[in-house]
Amino acid sequence: MGRFGHRFRHRHELPLEGKKLTLVHMKNGQRGVVVEIKGGHGIARRLSALGIRPGREITKVSAMFMRGPVTIQVDNAEVAIGFGMARRVIVEPTSSDNI
């Protein structure tokens, strides 16, 4: 049983197949390619407007403590998105280097 009596993990904590990670679980400085956006059309459209869409290479720049915003680099721009959005971005890492 879980820490608070929960038997099952929340959906965003379920393991992904292969090397895929959520943006939240990437290390700072790690690069990867966006492979999927979990969620509806609204979140996909919002992220697409920021340049975050499947097939794009991104770099995680930083994350704030306690589920704060996650900053990523897309092309030559840095973008900050909330924790809830970041956990819906599925990435396949292309490097494990830290900047």
N, C-alpha and C. Protein backbone atom coordinates (compact mmCIF):
# COMPACT_ATOMS: atom_id res chain seq x y z
N MET A 1 0.83 -1.17 0.00
CA MET A 1 0.00 0.00 0.00
C MET A 1 0.88 1.24 0.00
N GLY A 2 0.37 2.30 -0.59
CA GLY A 2 1.13 3.54 -0.72
C GLY A 2 1.29 4.29 0.58
N ARG A 3 1.96 5.38 0.51
CA ARG A 3 2.28 6.19 1.67
C ARG A 3 1.04 6.71 2.39
N PHE A 4 0.02 7.07 1.66
CA PHE A 4 -1.19 7.62 2.27
C PHE A 4 -2.36 6.65 2.18
N GLY A 5 -2.07 5.36 2.10
CA GLY A 5 -3.13 4.38 2.04
C GLY A 5 -3.67 4.13 0.65
N HIS A 6 -3.10 4.81 -0.37
CA HIS A 6 -3.53 4.58 -1.74
C HIS A 6 -2.87 3.33 -2.27
N ARG A 7 -3.64 2.50 -2.92
CA ARG A 7 -3.11 1.28 -3.48
C ARG A 7 -2.54 1.50 -4.87
N PHE A 8 -3.09 2.44 -5.58
CA PHE A 8 -2.69 2.66 -6.96
C PHE A 8 -2.04 4.03 -7.10
N ARG A 9 -1.13 4.11 -8.04
CA ARG A 9 -0.49 5.38 -8.34
C ARG A 9 -1.44 6.25 -9.15
N HIS A 10 -1.18 7.54 -9.11
CA HIS A 10 -1.94 8.45 -9.96
C HIS A 10 -1.51 8.24 -11.40
N ARG A 11 -2.35 8.60 -12.34
CA ARG A 11 -2.04 8.38 -13.76
C ARG A 11 -0.73 9.03 -14.17
N HIS A 12 -0.44 10.23 -13.69
CA HIS A 12 0.78 10.91 -14.11
C HIS A 12 2.03 10.28 -13.52
N GLU A 13 1.89 9.34 -12.57
CA GLU A 13 3.04 8.67 -11.97
C GLU A 13 3.27 7.29 -12.55
N LEU A 14 2.39 6.83 -13.42
CA LEU A 14 2.56 5.50 -13.99
C LEU A 14 3.80 5.46 -14.87
N PRO A 15 4.52 4.33 -14.85
CA PRO A 15 5.74 4.24 -15.66
C PRO A 15 5.43 4.27 -17.15
N LEU A 16 6.34 4.84 -17.92
CA LEU A 16 6.21 4.89 -19.36
C LEU A 16 7.05 3.78 -19.96
N GLU A 17 6.74 3.38 -21.17
CA GLU A 17 7.50 2.30 -21.79
C GLU A 17 8.78 2.82 -22.43
N GLY A 18 9.82 1.97 -22.42
CA GLY A 18 11.08 2.33 -23.05
C GLY A 18 11.81 3.43 -22.30
N LYS A 19 12.48 4.28 -23.04
CA LYS A 19 13.28 5.37 -22.46
C LYS A 19 12.48 6.65 -22.28
N LYS A 20 11.20 6.62 -22.55
CA LYS A 20 10.40 7.84 -22.50
C LYS A 20 10.24 8.35 -21.07
N LEU A 21 10.25 9.67 -20.95
CA LEU A 21 10.08 10.35 -19.67
C LEU A 21 9.08 11.48 -19.84
N THR A 22 8.52 11.91 -18.73
CA THR A 22 7.78 13.16 -18.80
C THR A 22 8.79 14.29 -18.66
N LEU A 23 8.42 15.46 -19.08
CA LEU A 23 9.30 16.62 -18.98
C LEU A 23 9.69 16.88 -17.52
N VAL A 24 8.79 16.58 -16.61
CA VAL A 24 9.04 16.77 -15.18
C VAL A 24 10.20 15.89 -14.71
N HIS A 25 10.29 14.67 -15.24
CA HIS A 25 11.30 13.72 -14.79
C HIS A 25 12.65 13.85 -15.48
N MET A 26 12.76 14.72 -16.47
CA MET A 26 14.06 14.94 -17.11
C MET A 26 14.98 15.72 -16.17
N LYS A 27 16.29 15.52 -16.33
CA LYS A 27 17.26 16.26 -15.54
C LYS A 27 17.49 17.63 -16.17
N ASN A 28 17.90 18.59 -15.37
CA ASN A 28 18.25 19.90 -15.91
C ASN A 28 19.41 19.75 -16.88
N GLY A 29 19.31 20.38 -18.04
CA GLY A 29 20.34 20.29 -19.06
C GLY A 29 20.17 19.12 -20.01
N GLN A 30 19.22 18.24 -19.73
CA GLN A 30 19.01 17.07 -20.58
C GLN A 30 18.20 17.45 -21.81
N ARG A 31 18.59 16.89 -22.95
CA ARG A 31 17.88 17.15 -24.21
C ARG A 31 17.05 15.94 -24.59
N GLY A 32 16.00 16.20 -25.36
CA GLY A 32 15.15 15.12 -25.83
C GLY A 32 14.23 15.59 -26.93
N VAL A 33 13.55 14.63 -27.53
CA VAL A 33 12.59 14.91 -28.59
C VAL A 33 11.19 14.63 -28.05
N VAL A 34 10.30 15.58 -28.24
CA VAL A 34 8.91 15.40 -27.81
C VAL A 34 8.28 14.32 -28.68
N VAL A 35 7.71 13.29 -28.04
CA VAL A 35 7.08 12.21 -28.79
C VAL A 35 5.57 12.21 -28.66
N GLU A 36 5.06 12.81 -27.58
CA GLU A 36 3.61 12.78 -27.37
C GLU A 36 3.21 13.86 -26.38
N ILE A 37 1.99 14.35 -26.55
CA ILE A 37 1.39 15.28 -25.59
C ILE A 37 0.13 14.59 -25.08
N LYS A 38 0.11 14.29 -23.79
CA LYS A 38 -1.06 13.64 -23.19
C LYS A 38 -2.08 14.73 -22.85
N GLY A 39 -3.30 14.53 -23.29
CA GLY A 39 -4.33 15.51 -22.99
C GLY A 39 -5.15 15.84 -24.21
N GLY A 40 -6.03 16.77 -24.06
CA GLY A 40 -6.95 17.14 -25.13
C GLY A 40 -6.38 18.16 -26.09
N HIS A 41 -7.27 18.63 -26.96
CA HIS A 41 -6.88 19.59 -28.00
C HIS A 41 -6.43 20.92 -27.42
N GLY A 42 -7.04 21.33 -26.32
CA GLY A 42 -6.71 22.62 -25.72
C GLY A 42 -5.26 22.69 -25.27
N ILE A 43 -4.81 21.68 -24.53
CA ILE A 43 -3.43 21.69 -24.05
C ILE A 43 -2.45 21.52 -25.21
N ALA A 44 -2.81 20.68 -26.18
CA ALA A 44 -1.94 20.48 -27.35
C ALA A 44 -1.80 21.79 -28.14
N ARG A 45 -2.88 22.52 -28.28
CA ARG A 45 -2.86 23.79 -29.01
C ARG A 45 -2.02 24.84 -28.26
N ARG A 46 -2.20 24.89 -26.94
CA ARG A 46 -1.46 25.84 -26.12
C ARG A 46 0.05 25.57 -26.19
N LEU A 47 0.42 24.30 -26.06
CA LEU A 47 1.84 23.94 -26.12
C LEU A 47 2.41 24.15 -27.53
N SER A 48 1.60 23.86 -28.54
CA SER A 48 2.04 24.05 -29.92
C SER A 48 2.33 25.53 -30.19
N ALA A 49 1.53 26.41 -29.61
CA ALA A 49 1.76 27.85 -29.78
C ALA A 49 3.09 28.28 -29.17
N LEU A 50 3.57 27.51 -28.18
CA LEU A 50 4.86 27.80 -27.55
C LEU A 50 6.01 27.09 -28.26
N GLY A 51 5.69 26.31 -29.30
CA GLY A 51 6.72 25.59 -30.05
C GLY A 51 6.96 24.18 -29.55
N ILE A 52 6.15 23.72 -28.60
CA ILE A 52 6.32 22.38 -28.03
C ILE A 52 5.32 21.46 -28.70
N ARG A 53 5.82 20.64 -29.62
CA ARG A 53 4.96 19.70 -30.35
C ARG A 53 5.77 18.47 -30.69
N PRO A 54 5.11 17.34 -30.96
CA PRO A 54 5.84 16.11 -31.30
C PRO A 54 6.83 16.33 -32.44
N GLY A 55 8.03 15.75 -32.25
CA GLY A 55 9.08 15.86 -33.25
C GLY A 55 10.08 16.97 -32.97
N ARG A 56 9.76 17.89 -32.07
CA ARG A 56 10.65 19.02 -31.76
C ARG A 56 11.66 18.61 -30.69
N GLU A 57 12.89 19.07 -30.85
CA GLU A 57 13.91 18.83 -29.84
C GLU A 57 13.86 19.95 -28.82
N ILE A 58 13.91 19.57 -27.54
CA ILE A 58 13.86 20.54 -26.45
C ILE A 58 14.98 20.24 -25.46
N THR A 59 15.30 21.22 -24.65
CA THR A 59 16.27 21.06 -23.57
C THR A 59 15.62 21.58 -22.29
N LYS A 60 15.66 20.77 -21.23
CA LYS A 60 15.13 21.23 -19.95
C LYS A 60 16.18 22.11 -19.31
N VAL A 61 15.82 23.34 -19.04
CA VAL A 61 16.75 24.31 -18.47
C VAL A 61 16.72 24.24 -16.95
N SER A 62 15.53 24.29 -16.36
CA SER A 62 15.42 24.26 -14.91
C SER A 62 14.00 23.93 -14.49
N ALA A 63 13.86 23.63 -13.22
CA ALA A 63 12.55 23.39 -12.63
C ALA A 63 12.56 23.99 -11.23
N MET A 64 11.43 24.50 -10.81
CA MET A 64 11.32 25.08 -9.47
C MET A 64 10.94 23.99 -8.48
N PHE A 65 11.24 24.24 -7.24
CA PHE A 65 10.95 23.32 -6.15
C PHE A 65 9.44 23.22 -5.91
N MET A 66 9.00 22.07 -5.50
CA MET A 66 7.60 21.83 -5.10
C MET A 66 6.59 22.10 -6.22
N ARG A 67 6.75 21.44 -7.31
CA ARG A 67 5.79 21.49 -8.42
C ARG A 67 5.63 22.87 -9.03
N GLY A 68 6.69 23.61 -9.05
CA GLY A 68 6.66 24.94 -9.67
C GLY A 68 6.87 24.83 -11.17
N PRO A 69 7.02 25.96 -11.85
CA PRO A 69 7.18 25.97 -13.30
C PRO A 69 8.46 25.28 -13.76
N VAL A 70 8.40 24.75 -14.97
CA VAL A 70 9.53 24.10 -15.62
C VAL A 70 9.94 24.98 -16.80
N THR A 71 11.22 25.30 -16.89
CA THR A 71 11.73 26.12 -17.98
C THR A 71 12.44 25.23 -18.99
N ILE A 72 12.07 25.40 -20.26
CA ILE A 72 12.69 24.61 -21.32
C ILE A 72 13.15 25.53 -22.44
N GLN A 73 14.08 25.02 -23.23
CA GLN A 73 14.54 25.76 -24.40
C GLN A 73 14.03 25.04 -25.64
N VAL A 74 13.34 25.80 -26.49
CA VAL A 74 12.85 25.31 -27.77
C VAL A 74 13.43 26.23 -28.83
N ASP A 75 14.20 25.68 -29.74
CA ASP A 75 14.94 26.48 -30.71
C ASP A 75 15.81 27.48 -29.94
N ASN A 76 15.63 28.77 -30.16
CA ASN A 76 16.44 29.78 -29.47
C ASN A 76 15.67 30.51 -28.39
N ALA A 77 14.52 29.98 -28.00
CA ALA A 77 13.68 30.65 -27.01
C ALA A 77 13.57 29.80 -25.75
N GLU A 78 13.50 30.47 -24.60
CA GLU A 78 13.23 29.78 -23.34
C GLU A 78 11.78 30.02 -22.98
N VAL A 79 11.11 28.95 -22.58
CA VAL A 79 9.68 28.99 -22.27
C VAL A 79 9.47 28.35 -20.91
N ALA A 80 8.65 28.96 -20.06
CA ALA A 80 8.30 28.38 -18.77
C ALA A 80 6.86 27.90 -18.83
N ILE A 81 6.66 26.66 -18.42
CA ILE A 81 5.30 26.10 -18.37
C ILE A 81 5.06 25.54 -16.98
N GLY A 82 3.81 25.45 -16.60
CA GLY A 82 3.45 24.94 -15.29
C GLY A 82 3.71 23.45 -15.15
N PHE A 83 3.78 23.00 -13.90
CA PHE A 83 4.03 21.60 -13.60
C PHE A 83 2.99 20.69 -14.24
N GLY A 84 1.73 21.08 -14.18
CA GLY A 84 0.65 20.26 -14.75
C GLY A 84 0.81 20.04 -16.24
N MET A 85 1.21 21.08 -16.95
CA MET A 85 1.44 20.94 -18.39
C MET A 85 2.70 20.12 -18.65
N ALA A 86 3.75 20.36 -17.87
CA ALA A 86 5.03 19.68 -18.08
C ALA A 86 4.90 18.18 -17.89
N ARG A 87 4.04 17.74 -16.99
CA ARG A 87 3.92 16.30 -16.78
C ARG A 87 3.13 15.61 -17.90
N ARG A 88 2.54 16.38 -18.79
CA ARG A 88 1.81 15.81 -19.93
C ARG A 88 2.66 15.74 -21.20
N VAL A 89 3.86 16.30 -21.14
CA VAL A 89 4.76 16.27 -22.30
C VAL A 89 5.67 15.05 -22.17
N ILE A 90 5.54 14.11 -23.11
CA ILE A 90 6.33 12.88 -23.09
C ILE A 90 7.52 13.07 -24.03
N VAL A 91 8.72 12.81 -23.51
CA VAL A 91 9.96 13.08 -24.23
C VAL A 91 10.81 11.82 -24.27
N GLU A 92 11.48 11.62 -25.41
CA GLU A 92 12.49 10.56 -25.50
C GLU A 92 13.85 11.24 -25.45
N PRO A 93 14.62 10.99 -24.37
CA PRO A 93 15.90 11.68 -24.22
C PRO A 93 16.87 11.36 -25.35
N THR A 94 17.63 12.38 -25.77
CA THR A 94 18.68 12.19 -26.77
C THR A 94 20.05 12.34 -26.13
N SER A 95 20.10 12.89 -24.91
CA SER A 95 21.36 12.98 -24.17
C SER A 95 21.04 12.99 -22.69
N SER A 96 22.01 12.60 -21.90
CA SER A 96 21.84 12.66 -20.44
C SER A 96 22.82 13.65 -19.84
N ASP A 97 23.44 14.47 -20.70
CA ASP A 97 24.42 15.46 -20.24
C ASP A 97 23.75 16.56 -19.45
N ASN A 98 24.42 17.03 -18.46
CA ASN A 98 23.97 18.23 -17.74
C ASN A 98 24.79 19.40 -18.22
N ILE A 99 24.14 20.55 -18.39
CA ILE A 99 24.84 21.75 -18.86
C ILE A 99 25.68 22.32 -17.73
